[in-house]
C-alpha atoms as a PDB file:
ATOM      1  CA  MET A   1      -0.159  -0.251   0.232  1.00  0.00           C
ATOM      2  CA  LEU A   2       2.306   2.618   0.635  1.00  0.00           C
ATOM      3  CA  LYS A   3       4.772   1.390  -2.163  1.00  0.00           C
ATOM      4  CA  PHE A   4       1.570   2.316  -4.433  1.00  0.00           C
ATOM      5  CA  GLU A   5       1.013   5.738  -2.402  1.00  0.00           C
ATOM      6  CA  ILE A   6       4.450   6.641  -3.096  1.00  0.00           C
ATOM      7  CA  ARG A   7       4.172   5.599  -7.313  1.00  0.00           C
ATOM      8  CA  SER A   8       1.051   7.430  -7.073  1.00  0.00           C
ATOM      9  CA  PHE A   9       1.958  10.832  -5.243  1.00  0.00           C
ATOM     10  CA  ARG A  10       4.935  10.933  -7.856  1.00  0.00           C
ATOM     11  CA  ALA A  11       2.746  10.728 -11.143  1.00  0.00           C
ATOM     12  CA  HIS A  12       0.353  12.842  -9.239  1.00  0.00           C
ATOM     13  CA  GLY A  13       3.340  15.419  -9.359  1.00  0.00           C
ATOM     14  CA  PHE A  14       5.026  14.690 -12.463  1.00  0.00           C
ATOM     15  CA  LEU A  15       1.611  15.530 -13.941  1.00  0.00           C
ATOM     16  CA  MET A  16       1.203  18.764 -12.100  1.00  0.00           C
ATOM     17  CA  VAL A  17       4.847  20.052 -13.406  1.00  0.00           C
ATOM     18  CA  ARG A  18       3.805  18.704 -16.889  1.00  0.00           C
ATOM     19  CA  ARG A  19       0.785  20.844 -16.457  1.00  0.00           C
ATOM     20  CA  LEU A  20       3.144  24.224 -15.123  1.00  0.00           C
ATOM     21  CA  ALA A  21       5.276  23.723 -17.818  1.00  0.00           C
ATOM     22  CA  CYS A  22       2.807  23.749 -20.172  1.00  0.00           C
ATOM     23  CA  SER A  23       0.892  26.660 -18.616  1.00  0.00           C
ATOM     24  CA  LEU A  24       4.042  28.267 -18.425  1.00  0.00           C
ATOM     25  CA  THR A  25       4.715  27.920 -21.848  1.00  0.00           C
ATOM     26  CA  LEU A  26       1.452  29.282 -22.882  1.00  0.00           C
ATOM     27  CA  LEU A  27       1.857  31.998 -20.823  1.00  0.00           C
ATOM     28  CA  THR A  28       5.179  33.143 -22.398  1.00  0.00           C
ATOM     29  CA  PHE A  29       3.825  32.843 -25.956  1.00  0.00           C
ATOM     30  CA  ILE A  30       0.826  34.808 -25.229  1.00  0.00           C
ATOM     31  CA  GLY A  31       3.722  37.611 -23.632  1.00  0.00           C
ATOM     32  CA  VAL A  32       5.981  36.833 -26.899  1.00  0.00           C
ATOM     33  CA  VAL A  33       2.345  37.675 -29.167  1.00  0.00           C
ATOM     34  CA  SER A  34       1.291  40.807 -27.032  1.00  0.00           C
ATOM     35  CA  ALA A  35       4.756  42.180 -26.845  1.00  0.00           C
ATOM     36  CA  GLN A  36       5.095  41.613 -31.289  1.00  0.00           C
ATOM     37  CA  ALA A  37       1.413  43.573 -31.399  1.00  0.00           C
ATOM     38  CA  GLN A  38       2.775  46.125 -29.190  1.00  0.00           C
ATOM     39  CA  THR A  39       6.213  46.720 -31.416  1.00  0.00           C
ATOM     40  CA  ASP A  40       4.283  45.975 -34.456  1.00  0.00           C
ATOM     41  CA  SER A  41       3.880  49.626 -36.071  1.00  0.00           C
ATOM     42  CA  LEU A  42       1.247  48.313 -38.394  1.00  0.00           C
ATOM     43  CA  PRO A  43      -0.548  45.690 -36.434  1.00  0.00           C
ATOM     44  CA  SER A  44      -3.583  46.077 -38.504  1.00  0.00           C
ATOM     45  CA  TRP A  45      -1.410  44.849 -41.721  1.00  0.00           C
ATOM     46  CA  ASN A  46      -0.415  41.114 -42.579  1.00  0.00           C
ATOM     47  CA  ASP A  47       2.933  40.230 -43.435  1.00  0.00           C
ATOM     48  CA  GLY A  48       3.493  40.073 -46.601  1.00  0.00           C
ATOM     49  CA  ALA A  49       5.002  41.970 -49.677  1.00  0.00           C
ATOM     50  CA  ALA A  50       3.336  45.193 -49.370  1.00  0.00           C
ATOM     51  CA  LYS A  51       3.933  45.278 -45.474  1.00  0.00           C
ATOM     52  CA  THR A  52       7.321  44.714 -45.716  1.00  0.00           C
ATOM     53  CA  ALA A  53       7.673  47.372 -49.067  1.00  0.00           C
ATOM     54  CA  VAL A  54       6.364  49.853 -47.224  1.00  0.00           C
ATOM     55  CA  LYS A  55       8.561  49.458 -43.781  1.00  0.00           C
ATOM     56  CA  SER A  56      11.477  48.766 -45.759  1.00  0.00           C
ATOM     57  CA  PHE A  57      10.947  52.110 -47.542  1.00  0.00           C
ATOM     58  CA  ILE A  58      10.125  54.121 -44.934  1.00  0.00           C
ATOM     59  CA  ALA A  59      13.646  52.459 -42.824  1.00  0.00           C
ATOM     60  CA  ASP A  60      15.895  53.538 -46.358  1.00  0.00           C
ATOM     61  CA  VAL A  61      14.516  57.119 -46.086  1.00  0.00           C
ATOM     62  CA  THR A  62      15.114  57.737 -42.466  1.00  0.00           C
ATOM     63  CA  THR A  63      18.190  56.220 -41.769  1.00  0.00           C
ATOM     64  CA  PRO A  64      21.193  58.762 -41.654  1.00  0.00           C
ATOM     65  CA  GLY A  65      23.840  57.419 -44.060  1.00  0.00           C
ATOM     66  CA  ASN A  66      21.917  55.022 -46.177  1.00  0.00           C
ATOM     67  CA  ALA A  67      22.032  55.594 -49.460  1.00  0.00           C
ATOM     68  CA  LYS A  68      18.174  56.315 -50.192  1.00  0.00           C
ATOM     69  CA  PHE A  69      18.013  58.589 -47.166  1.00  0.00           C
ATOM     70  CA  VAL A  70      15.531  61.635 -48.075  1.00  0.00           C
ATOM     71  CA  PRO A  71      15.985  64.590 -45.380  1.00  0.00           C
ATOM     72  CA  PRO A  72      13.027  65.604 -43.954  1.00  0.00           C
ATOM     73  CA  GLU A  73      11.784  68.920 -45.454  1.00  0.00           C
ATOM     74  CA  ASP A  74      11.625  66.186 -48.695  1.00  0.00           C
ATOM     75  CA  ARG A  75       9.576  63.831 -47.433  1.00  0.00           C
ATOM     76  CA  VAL A  76       6.015  64.498 -49.170  1.00  0.00           C
ATOM     77  CA  ALA A  77       3.583  61.822 -49.344  1.00  0.00           C
ATOM     78  CA  VAL A  78      -0.003  62.036 -50.622  1.00  0.00           C
ATOM     79  CA  PHE A  79      -2.791  60.117 -49.978  1.00  0.00           C
ATOM     80  CA  ASP A  80      -6.002  60.144 -51.834  1.00  0.00           C
ATOM     81  CA  ASN A  81      -9.495  60.126 -50.069  1.00  0.00           C
ATOM     82  CA  ASP A  82     -11.942  57.940 -51.773  1.00  0.00           C
ATOM     83  CA  GLY A  83     -11.593  54.384 -51.816  1.00  0.00           C
ATOM     84  CA  THR A  84      -7.906  54.834 -50.039  1.00  0.00           C
ATOM     85  CA  LEU A  85      -8.325  56.100 -46.559  1.00  0.00           C
ATOM     86  CA  LEU A  86     -12.437  55.885 -46.410  1.00  0.00           C
ATOM     87  CA  ALA A  87     -14.722  53.583 -47.920  1.00  0.00           C
ATOM     88  CA  GLU A  88     -16.242  55.286 -50.784  1.00  0.00           C
ATOM     89  CA  MET A  89     -19.242  52.973 -52.006  1.00  0.00           C
ATOM     90  CA  PRO A  90     -21.395  55.152 -52.174  1.00  0.00           C
ATOM     91  CA  ASN A  91     -19.267  58.321 -52.204  1.00  0.00           C
ATOM     92  CA  ILE A  92     -19.529  60.376 -49.233  1.00  0.00           C
ATOM     93  CA  ASN A  93     -19.300  63.465 -51.398  1.00  0.00           C
ATOM     94  CA  LEU A  94     -22.098  62.477 -53.368  1.00  0.00           C
ATOM     95  CA  ALA A  95     -23.779  61.641 -50.526  1.00  0.00           C
ATOM     96  CA  PHE A  96     -23.726  65.277 -49.123  1.00  0.00           C
ATOM     97  CA  ALA A  97     -24.527  66.532 -51.926  1.00  0.00           C
ATOM     98  CA  LEU A  98     -27.622  64.525 -52.499  1.00  0.00           C
ATOM     99  CA  ASP A  99     -29.041  64.872 -48.759  1.00  0.00           C
ATOM    100  CA  GLU A 100     -28.399  68.755 -48.923  1.00  0.00           C
ATOM    101  CA  VAL A 101     -30.359  68.959 -52.071  1.00  0.00           C
ATOM    102  CA  ARG A 102     -32.647  67.222 -50.484  1.00  0.00           C
ATOM    103  CA  ARG A 103     -32.703  69.271 -47.184  1.00  0.00           C
ATOM    104  CA  LEU A 104     -32.762  72.697 -49.054  1.00  0.00           C
ATOM    105  CA  SER A 105     -34.882  71.912 -52.018  1.00  0.00           C
ATOM    106  CA  GLY A 106     -37.900  73.832 -50.428  1.00  0.00           C
ATOM    107  CA  ALA A 107     -36.290  77.321 -51.095  1.00  0.00           C
ATOM    108  CA  HIS A 108     -35.581  75.793 -54.908  1.00  0.00           C
ATOM    109  CA  PRO A 109     -38.668  75.237 -56.582  1.00  0.00           C
ATOM    110  CA  GLU A 110     -37.232  75.564 -59.911  1.00  0.00           C
ATOM    111  CA  TRP A 111     -35.369  71.902 -58.893  1.00  0.00           C
ATOM    112  CA  ARG A 112     -38.293  70.529 -59.380  1.00  0.00           C
ATOM    113  CA  THR A 113     -38.684  70.680 -62.889  1.00  0.00           C
ATOM    114  CA  ASN A 114     -34.270  70.953 -63.383  1.00  0.00           C
ATOM    115  CA  GLU A 115     -31.699  67.812 -63.911  1.00  0.00           C
ATOM    116  CA  PRO A 116     -30.373  67.039 -62.112  1.00  0.00           C
ATOM    117  CA  PHE A 117     -32.077  68.093 -58.968  1.00  0.00           C
ATOM    118  CA  LYS A 118     -35.434  66.757 -60.476  1.00  0.00           C
ATOM    119  CA  ALA A 119     -34.082  62.946 -60.260  1.00  0.00           C
ATOM    120  CA  ILE A 120     -32.645  63.907 -56.774  1.00  0.00           C
ATOM    121  CA  LEU A 121     -36.076  64.756 -55.699  1.00  0.00           C
ATOM    122  CA  ASP A 122     -37.922  61.740 -57.305  1.00  0.00           C
ATOM    123  CA  ASN A 123     -35.486  59.279 -56.172  1.00  0.00           C
ATOM    124  CA  ALA A 124     -34.827  58.291 -59.498  1.00  0.00           C
ATOM    125  CA  ARG A 125     -31.625  55.662 -58.415  1.00  0.00           C
ATOM    126  CA  ALA A 126     -30.978  54.679 -62.399  1.00  0.00           C
ATOM    127  CA  TYR A 127     -30.342  58.590 -62.963  1.00  0.00           C
ATOM    128  CA  LEU A 128     -28.459  58.766 -59.417  1.00  0.00           C
ATOM    129  CA  SER A 129     -26.063  55.978 -60.144  1.00  0.00           C
ATOM    130  CA  LYS A 130     -24.783  57.607 -63.128  1.00  0.00           C
ATOM    131  CA  LEU A 131     -23.629  60.935 -61.629  1.00  0.00           C
ATOM    132  CA  SER A 132     -20.250  61.487 -61.920  1.00  0.00           C
ATOM    133  CA  ARG A 133     -17.922  63.342 -60.070  1.00  0.00           C
ATOM    134  CA  ASP A 134     -18.365  66.288 -62.222  1.00  0.00           C
ATOM    135  CA  ASP A 135     -22.213  66.221 -61.278  1.00  0.00           C
ATOM    136  CA  THR A 136     -21.139  65.805 -57.468  1.00  0.00           C
ATOM    137  CA  VAL A 137     -18.993  69.221 -57.797  1.00  0.00           C
ATOM    138  CA  SER A 138     -21.733  70.930 -59.933  1.00  0.00           C
ATOM    139  CA  LEU A 139     -24.421  69.902 -57.052  1.00  0.00           C
ATOM    140  CA  ALA A 140     -22.039  71.343 -54.482  1.00  0.00           C
ATOM    141  CA  LEU A 141     -21.637  74.676 -56.159  1.00  0.00           C
ATOM    142  CA  ALA A 142     -25.930  75.030 -56.741  1.00  0.00           C
ATOM    143  CA  ALA A 143     -26.488  73.904 -53.007  1.00  0.00           C
ATOM    144  CA  PHE A 144     -24.355  76.219 -51.068  1.00  0.00           C
ATOM    145  CA  ALA A 145     -24.139  79.343 -53.530  1.00  0.00           C
ATOM    146  CA  GLY A 146     -24.118  82.466 -51.084  1.00  0.00           C
ATOM    147  CA  THR A 147     -23.063  80.299 -48.297  1.00  0.00           C
ATOM    148  CA  ASP A 148     -20.224  81.521 -46.047  1.00  0.00           C
ATOM    149  CA  GLU A 149     -17.601  79.651 -44.678  1.00  0.00           C
ATOM    150  CA  LYS A 150     -18.743  79.259 -40.959  1.00  0.00           C
ATOM    151  CA  THR A 151     -21.671  78.384 -42.340  1.00  0.00           C
ATOM    152  CA  PHE A 152     -20.785  75.250 -44.824  1.00  0.00           C
ATOM    153  CA  GLU A 153     -18.435  74.199 -42.073  1.00  0.00           C
ATOM    154  CA  GLN A 154     -21.184  73.872 -39.426  1.00  0.00           C
ATOM    155  CA  THR A 155     -23.674  71.951 -41.938  1.00  0.00           C
ATOM    156  CA  ALA A 156     -21.274  69.902 -43.099  1.00  0.00           C
ATOM    157  CA  SER A 157     -20.099  68.737 -39.326  1.00  0.00           C
ATOM    158  CA  ALA A 158     -23.882  68.499 -38.280  1.00  0.00           C
ATOM    159  CA  TRP A 159     -24.108  65.965 -41.316  1.00  0.00           C
ATOM    160  CA  LEU A 160     -21.365  63.798 -40.391  1.00  0.00           C
ATOM    161  CA  GLN A 161     -23.033  63.445 -36.656  1.00  0.00           C
ATOM    162  CA  THR A 162     -25.640  61.843 -38.151  1.00  0.00           C
ATOM    163  CA  ALA A 163     -25.199  60.302 -41.840  1.00  0.00           C
ATOM    164  CA  SER A 164     -24.506  56.944 -42.344  1.00  0.00           C
ATOM    165  CA  ASN A 165     -23.417  54.424 -45.004  1.00  0.00           C
ATOM    166  CA  PRO A 166     -26.510  52.885 -45.963  1.00  0.00           C
ATOM    167  CA  THR A 167     -24.671  49.073 -47.543  1.00  0.00           C
ATOM    168  CA  LEU A 168     -22.538  49.347 -44.888  1.00  0.00           C
ATOM    169  CA  HIS A 169     -24.620  50.203 -41.936  1.00  0.00           C
ATOM    170  CA  ARG A 170     -21.970  52.455 -40.365  1.00  0.00           C
ATOM    171  CA  PRO A 171     -21.486  56.009 -39.805  1.00  0.00           C
ATOM    172  CA  TYR A 172     -19.554  56.880 -42.421  1.00  0.00           C
ATOM    173  CA  GLN A 173     -16.846  58.375 -39.900  1.00  0.00           C
ATOM    174  CA  SER A 174     -16.226  55.087 -38.832  1.00  0.00           C
ATOM    175  CA  LEU A 175     -15.223  53.744 -42.743  1.00  0.00           C
ATOM    176  CA  VAL A 176     -12.271  55.172 -42.450  1.00  0.00           C
ATOM    177  CA  TYR A 177      -9.557  52.297 -42.375  1.00  0.00           C
ATOM    178  CA  GLN A 178      -7.551  51.238 -39.891  1.00  0.00           C
ATOM    179  CA  PRO A 179      -4.819  50.212 -41.820  1.00  0.00           C
ATOM    180  CA  GLN A 180      -4.026  53.101 -43.112  1.00  0.00           C
ATOM    181  CA  LEU A 181      -4.999  55.327 -39.971  1.00  0.00           C
ATOM    182  CA  GLU A 182      -1.737  52.982 -38.959  1.00  0.00           C
ATOM    183  CA  LEU A 183       0.143  54.112 -41.626  1.00  0.00           C
ATOM    184  CA  LEU A 184      -0.260  57.734 -41.673  1.00  0.00           C
ATOM    185  CA  GLN A 185       0.854  57.702 -37.996  1.00  0.00           C
ATOM    186  CA  LEU A 186       3.698  55.968 -39.085  1.00  0.00           C
ATOM    187  CA  LEU A 187       4.730  58.198 -41.249  1.00  0.00           C
ATOM    188  CA  ARG A 188       4.407  61.144 -39.332  1.00  0.00           C
ATOM    189  CA  ALA A 189       6.120  59.551 -36.417  1.00  0.00           C
ATOM    190  CA  ASN A 190       9.241  58.980 -38.904  1.00  0.00           C
ATOM    191  CA  GLY A 191       9.540  62.901 -40.391  1.00  0.00           C
ATOM    192  CA  PHE A 192       6.696  62.821 -43.134  1.00  0.00           C
ATOM    193  CA  LYS A 193       4.358  65.957 -44.230  1.00  0.00           C
ATOM    194  CA  VAL A 194       1.039  64.310 -45.213  1.00  0.00           C
ATOM    195  CA  TYR A 195      -1.276  65.859 -47.760  1.00  0.00           C
ATOM    196  CA  LEU A 196      -4.812  64.653 -48.710  1.00  0.00           C
ATOM    197  CA  VAL A 197      -4.977  65.202 -52.125  1.00  0.00           C
ATOM    198  CA  SER A 198      -8.889  64.239 -53.122  1.00  0.00           C
ATOM    199  CA  GLY A 199     -11.248  64.938 -55.939  1.00  0.00           C
ATOM    200  CA  GLY A 200     -13.468  65.693 -53.336  1.00  0.00           C
ATOM    201  CA  GLU A 201     -14.333  69.452 -52.082  1.00  0.00           C
ATOM    202  CA  VAL A 202     -11.770  70.881 -50.275  1.00  0.00           C
ATOM    203  CA  ASP A 203     -13.920  72.847 -47.939  1.00  0.00           C
ATOM    204  CA  PHE A 204     -16.232  69.665 -47.480  1.00  0.00           C
ATOM    205  CA  LEU A 205     -12.683  67.356 -46.753  1.00  0.00           C
ATOM    206  CA  ARG A 206     -11.522  69.918 -44.346  1.00  0.00           C
ATOM    207  CA  SER A 207     -14.302  69.765 -42.112  1.00  0.00           C
ATOM    208  CA  PHE A 208     -13.332  65.769 -41.105  1.00  0.00           C
ATOM    209  CA  ALA A 209      -9.723  65.455 -41.974  1.00  0.00           C
ATOM    210  CA  ASN A 210      -8.305  66.631 -39.164  1.00  0.00           C
ATOM    211  CA  ALA A 211     -10.339  64.677 -36.485  1.00  0.00           C
ATOM    212  CA  GLU A 212     -10.165  61.539 -38.238  1.00  0.00           C
ATOM    213  CA  TYR A 213      -6.818  61.587 -40.454  1.00  0.00           C
ATOM    214  CA  GLY A 214      -4.984  64.030 -37.923  1.00  0.00           C
ATOM    215  CA  ILE A 215      -4.418  66.184 -41.505  1.00  0.00           C
ATOM    216  CA  PRO A 216      -4.687  69.836 -40.626  1.00  0.00           C
ATOM    217  CA  PRO A 217      -6.701  72.056 -43.565  1.00  0.00           C
ATOM    218  CA  GLU A 218      -3.745  73.624 -44.366  1.00  0.00           C
ATOM    219  CA  GLN A 219      -2.325  70.318 -45.742  1.00  0.00           C
ATOM    220  CA  VAL A 220      -5.756  69.070 -47.264  1.00  0.00           C
ATOM    221  CA  ILE A 221      -6.148  69.761 -51.452  1.00  0.00           C
ATOM    222  CA  GLY A 222      -9.314  69.270 -52.935  1.00  0.00           C
ATOM    223  CA  SER A 223     -11.366  70.560 -55.758  1.00  0.00           C
ATOM    224  CA  SER A 224     -12.872  74.215 -54.992  1.00  0.00           C
ATOM    225  CA  VAL A 225     -15.582  76.836 -55.651  1.00  0.00           C
ATOM    226  CA  ARG A 226     -14.667  80.644 -55.918  1.00  0.00           C
ATOM    227  CA  TYR A 227     -14.719  82.496 -52.812  1.00  0.00           C
ATOM    228  CA  ASP A 228     -15.958  86.233 -52.597  1.00  0.00           C
ATOM    229  CA  TYR A 229     -14.896  88.434 -50.315  1.00  0.00           C
ATOM    230  CA  LYS A 230     -17.907  90.749 -48.570  1.00  0.00           C
ATOM    231  CA  VAL A 231     -18.268  92.833 -45.232  1.00  0.00           C
ATOM    232  CA  VAL A 232     -21.783  91.844 -43.637  1.00  0.00           C
ATOM    233  CA  ASP A 233     -23.060  93.824 -40.683  1.00  0.00           C
ATOM    234  CA  GLY A 234     -19.199  94.774 -40.448  1.00  0.00           C
ATOM    235  CA  GLN A 235     -17.971  91.480 -40.408  1.00  0.00           C
ATOM    236  CA  PRO A 236     -15.609  90.365 -43.161  1.00  0.00           C
ATOM    237  CA  THR A 237     -16.844  87.457 -44.357  1.00  0.00           C
ATOM    238  CA  ILE A 238     -15.859  84.891 -47.184  1.00  0.00           C
ATOM    239  CA  GLU A 239     -19.198  83.490 -49.415  1.00  0.00           C
ATOM    240  CA  ARG A 240     -19.143  80.584 -52.085  1.00  0.00           C
ATOM    241  CA  VAL A 241     -20.030  81.609 -55.348  1.00  0.00           C
ATOM    242  CA  ALA A 242     -21.335  79.038 -57.586  1.00  0.00           C
ATOM    243  CA  GLN A 243     -18.559  78.652 -60.090  1.00  0.00           C
ATOM    244  CA  LEU A 244     -15.885  76.147 -59.783  1.00  0.00           C
ATOM    245  CA  GLY A 245     -12.320  77.257 -58.735  1.00  0.00           C
ATOM    246  CA  SER A 246     -10.201  73.921 -59.457  1.00  0.00           C
ATOM    247  CA  LEU A 247     -11.580  69.967 -60.282  1.00  0.00           C
ATOM    248  CA  ASN A 248      -8.630  67.866 -58.197  1.00  0.00           C
ATOM    249  CA  ASP A 249      -8.867  65.121 -60.462  1.00  0.00           C
ATOM    250  CA  GLY A 250      -6.378  63.208 -62.992  1.00  0.00           C
ATOM    251  CA  PRO A 251      -3.961  66.056 -64.173  1.00  0.00           C
ATOM    252  CA  GLY A 252      -5.744  68.639 -62.182  1.00  0.00           C
ATOM    253  CA  ASN A 253      -3.940  66.461 -58.708  1.00  0.00           C
ATOM    254  CA  VAL A 254      -0.323  67.090 -60.038  1.00  0.00           C
ATOM    255  CA  ALA A 255      -1.136  70.849 -60.815  1.00  0.00           C
ATOM    256  CA  ASN A 256      -2.393  71.527 -57.520  1.00  0.00           C
ATOM    257  CA  ILE A 257       0.044  69.434 -55.881  1.00  0.00           C
ATOM    258  CA  GLN A 258       2.818  71.479 -57.555  1.00  0.00           C
ATOM    259  CA  LEU A 259       0.751  75.054 -56.818  1.00  0.00           C
ATOM    260  CA  HIS A 260       0.375  73.822 -53.315  1.00  0.00           C
ATOM    261  CA  ILE A 261       3.203  72.237 -51.593  1.00  0.00           C
ATOM    262  CA  GLY A 262       5.241  72.752 -54.436  1.00  0.00           C
ATOM    263  CA  LYS A 263       7.895  69.500 -54.443  1.00  0.00           C
ATOM    264  CA  ARG A 264       7.244  66.018 -55.732  1.00  0.00           C
ATOM    265  CA  PRO A 265       6.346  63.655 -52.976  1.00  0.00           C
ATOM    266  CA  ILE A 266       8.346  60.455 -52.135  1.00  0.00           C
ATOM    267  CA  LEU A 267       5.236  58.480 -51.603  1.00  0.00           C
ATOM    268  CA  ALA A 268       2.004  58.829 -53.059  1.00  0.00           C
ATOM    269  CA  PHE A 269      -1.158  56.374 -52.270  1.00  0.00           C
ATOM    270  CA  GLY A 270      -4.685  55.960 -54.421  1.00  0.00           C
ATOM    271  CA  ASN A 271      -7.203  53.541 -55.646  1.00  0.00           C
ATOM    272  CA  SER A 272      -7.965  54.629 -58.903  1.00  0.00           C
ATOM    273  CA  ASP A 273      -7.473  55.703 -62.455  1.00  0.00           C
ATOM    274  CA  GLY A 274      -7.612  59.338 -61.161  1.00  0.00           C
ATOM    275  CA  ASP A 275      -5.425  59.160 -58.922  1.00  0.00           C
ATOM    276  CA  GLU A 276      -2.848  57.989 -62.403  1.00  0.00           C
ATOM    277  CA  PRO A 277      -1.106  61.320 -62.766  1.00  0.00           C
ATOM    278  CA  MET A 278      -0.385  61.838 -58.872  1.00  0.00           C
ATOM    279  CA  LEU A 279       1.194  58.066 -58.814  1.00  0.00           C
ATOM    280  CA  ALA A 280       3.284  58.205 -62.252  1.00  0.00           C
ATOM    281  CA  MET A 281       4.518  62.137 -60.692  1.00  0.00           C
ATOM    282  CA  THR A 282       5.817  60.373 -58.005  1.00  0.00           C
ATOM    283  CA  ALA A 283       7.102  57.798 -59.438  1.00  0.00           C
ATOM    284  CA  ALA A 284       9.625  60.128 -62.132  1.00  0.00           C
ATOM    285  CA  ASN A 285      10.811  61.578 -58.799  1.00  0.00           C
ATOM    286  CA  ASP A 286      14.760  61.253 -59.096  1.00  0.00           C
ATOM    287  CA  LYS A 287      14.702  60.874 -55.300  1.00  0.00           C
ATOM    288  CA  PRO A 288      13.555  57.227 -53.735  1.00  0.00           C
ATOM    289  CA  HIS A 289      10.172  57.014 -54.086  1.00  0.00           C
ATOM    290  CA  LEU A 290       6.683  54.702 -53.568  1.00  0.00           C
ATOM    291  CA  VAL A 291       3.862  53.981 -54.757  1.00  0.00           C
ATOM    292  CA  LEU A 292       0.967  52.525 -53.744  1.00  0.00           C
ATOM    293  CA  ILE A 293      -2.472  51.233 -54.992  1.00  0.00           C
ATOM    294  CA  LEU A 294      -5.276  49.688 -52.603  1.00  0.00           C
ATOM    295  CA  HIS A 295      -7.230  46.999 -54.704  1.00  0.00           C
ATOM    296  CA  HIS A 296     -10.622  46.310 -53.426  1.00  0.00           C
ATOM    297  CA  ASP A 297     -11.207  42.627 -53.513  1.00  0.00           C
ATOM    298  CA  ASP A 298     -13.014  41.877 -50.321  1.00  0.00           C
ATOM    299  CA  ALA A 299     -16.382  41.695 -50.936  1.00  0.00           C
ATOM    300  CA  GLU A 300     -17.154  40.130 -47.505  1.00  0.00           C
ATOM    301  CA  ARG A 301     -15.722  42.713 -45.610  1.00  0.00           C
ATOM    302  CA  GLU A 302     -15.936  46.019 -47.943  1.00  0.00           C
ATOM    303  CA  PHE A 303     -16.018  45.911 -51.525  1.00  0.00           C
ATOM    304  CA  ALA A 304     -15.034  44.019 -54.353  1.00  0.00           C
ATOM    305  CA  TYR A 305     -14.259  46.068 -57.692  1.00  0.00           C
ATOM    306  CA  ASP A 306     -11.770  47.522 -59.854  1.00  0.00           C
ATOM    307  CA  ARG A 307     -12.168  47.301 -63.904  1.00  0.00           C
ATOM    308  CA  ALA A 308     -16.073  47.400 -63.760  1.00  0.00           C
ATOM    309  CA  GLY A 309     -16.282  49.678 -60.864  1.00  0.00           C
ATOM    310  CA  PRO A 310     -17.837  53.163 -60.219  1.00  0.00           C
ATOM    311  CA  SER A 311     -16.713  56.118 -62.223  1.00  0.00           C
ATOM    312  CA  TRP A 312     -14.948  58.199 -59.527  1.00  0.00           C
ATOM    313  CA  GLY A 313     -13.402  54.501 -58.316  1.00  0.00           C
ATOM    314  CA  ARG A 314     -12.408  52.837 -61.096  1.00  0.00           C
ATOM    315  CA  LEU A 315      -9.087  50.781 -61.399  1.00  0.00           C
ATOM    316  CA  ASP A 316      -8.463  49.355 -65.098  1.00  0.00           C
ATOM    317  CA  LYS A 317      -5.905  51.275 -67.131  1.00  0.00           C
ATOM    318  CA  LEU A 318      -3.979  52.370 -63.686  1.00  0.00           C
ATOM    319  CA  TRP A 319      -4.354  48.465 -62.872  1.00  0.00           C
ATOM    320  CA  ASP A 320      -2.280  47.720 -66.082  1.00  0.00           C
ATOM    321  CA  GLU A 321       0.472  50.405 -65.778  1.00  0.00           C
ATOM    322  CA  ALA A 322       1.007  49.001 -61.704  1.00  0.00           C
ATOM    323  CA  ASN A 323       1.594  45.822 -62.925  1.00  0.00           C
ATOM    324  CA  GLU A 324       3.632  47.156 -66.260  1.00  0.00           C
ATOM    325  CA  ARG A 325       5.979  49.215 -63.895  1.00  0.00           C
ATOM    326  CA  HIS A 326       5.704  46.557 -60.438  1.00  0.00           C
ATOM    327  CA  TRP A 327       4.370  49.614 -58.467  1.00  0.00           C
ATOM    328  CA  GLN A 328       3.185  47.879 -54.821  1.00  0.00           C
ATOM    329  CA  ILE A 329      -0.613  46.697 -55.370  1.00  0.00           C
ATOM    330  CA  VAL A 330      -2.032  46.721 -51.745  1.00  0.00           C
ATOM    331  CA  SER A 331      -4.819  43.573 -51.757  1.00  0.00           C
ATOM    332  CA  MET A 332      -7.591  44.362 -48.962  1.00  0.00           C
ATOM    333  CA  LYS A 333      -8.123  40.823 -48.677  1.00  0.00           C
ATOM    334  CA  ASN A 334      -4.210  39.769 -48.306  1.00  0.00           C
ATOM    335  CA  ASP A 335      -2.665  42.633 -46.781  1.00  0.00           C
ATOM    336  CA  PHE A 336      -5.523  44.436 -44.108  1.00  0.00           C
ATOM    337  CA  ARG A 337      -5.742  42.112 -41.336  1.00  0.00           C
ATOM    338  CA  LEU A 338      -8.267  44.727 -40.017  1.00  0.00           C
ATOM    339  CA  ILE A 339     -10.317  46.719 -42.791  1.00  0.00           C
ATOM    340  CA  PHE A 340     -12.138  49.559 -40.200  1.00  0.00           C
ATOM    341  CA  PRO A 341     -11.625  50.452 -36.306  1.00  0.00           C
ATOM    342  CA  PRO A 342     -14.233  48.696 -34.122  1.00  0.00           C
ATOM    343  CA  LEU A 343     -17.111  51.139 -33.493  1.00  0.00           C
ATOM    344  CA  THR A 344     -17.247  52.990 -30.072  1.00  0.00           C
ATOM    345  CA  LYS A 345     -20.464  53.494 -27.936  1.00  0.00           C
ATOM    346  CA  ALA A 346     -21.029  57.177 -29.863  1.00  0.00           C
ATOM    347  CA  ASN A 347     -21.314  55.585 -33.244  1.00  0.00           C
ATOM    348  CA  GLU A 348     -23.237  52.809 -32.529  1.00  0.00           C
ATOM    349  CA  SER A 349     -25.850  55.202 -31.044  1.00  0.00           C
ATOM    350  CA  LYS A 350     -26.180  57.017 -34.560  1.00  0.00           C
END
């Protein structure tokens, strides 16, 4: 009996030691994974060619003594907005313009008989599905003519607080891509000056770019209206005029980058044919550079489209050029571990 008890005690003790060893191993593994997550500057990116290219490029251009080192004053990065930093189905600029036309229609009885306003008010979906970026700008011009800049900013901010994407069922402000937020932060931490360069209306973009992306108003380049200076009740005022100042799309991107920045970027990130001139200009920089293109190929978590995409998000000619010139394609499906940040309680209540 005594021998049996000793053998039983030894067996039980051995089992306890094994369990303890396994527990310690598991805790060690969890600690390593946690430490890796904390030290990874791009935790929402999957390991792969795209993530490696981004990290290697940033390390090369910011390391003194490296043959590819670029001084901080020349570290300029440009990002498209719709479909690159933020989901674009439907396009946020168009959604805002449509809602405002509906809201303001009571003061414009002529809209009931004039297109595209009539189609908007009648909710003619077939017609609305074909609206282009030019149409979006025209709508904004008409809807906000004579509005001063403060009123426009307040209107845009109020809309963003309540508007939600009807397909993804999330507030528009929560549809920023989490991997891109991490990339923006990593670039700023490494001395890059980041600009938002989009075909969207510049004042509308400025209403949320700083809060969502950390990009201040002076680093936002977009399509613009003309302004008129007036003194109203003794107060200097800037009012919007129903005339297009600049359409910041395609070649317009390049012209406005030169106008507002005055130097070529060394990093450019886009997602559609409209971004091609901006990407090509970056690729022609004689300094080390990186061109990135986001491919929407994840129908389960977001959307899947490229050559047959909407006019403002079509990836067709740029897709061919990217493959020919070996520009870095970023697959949303394969390279993004997480697409959108978790919803906050404030967003969930909207």
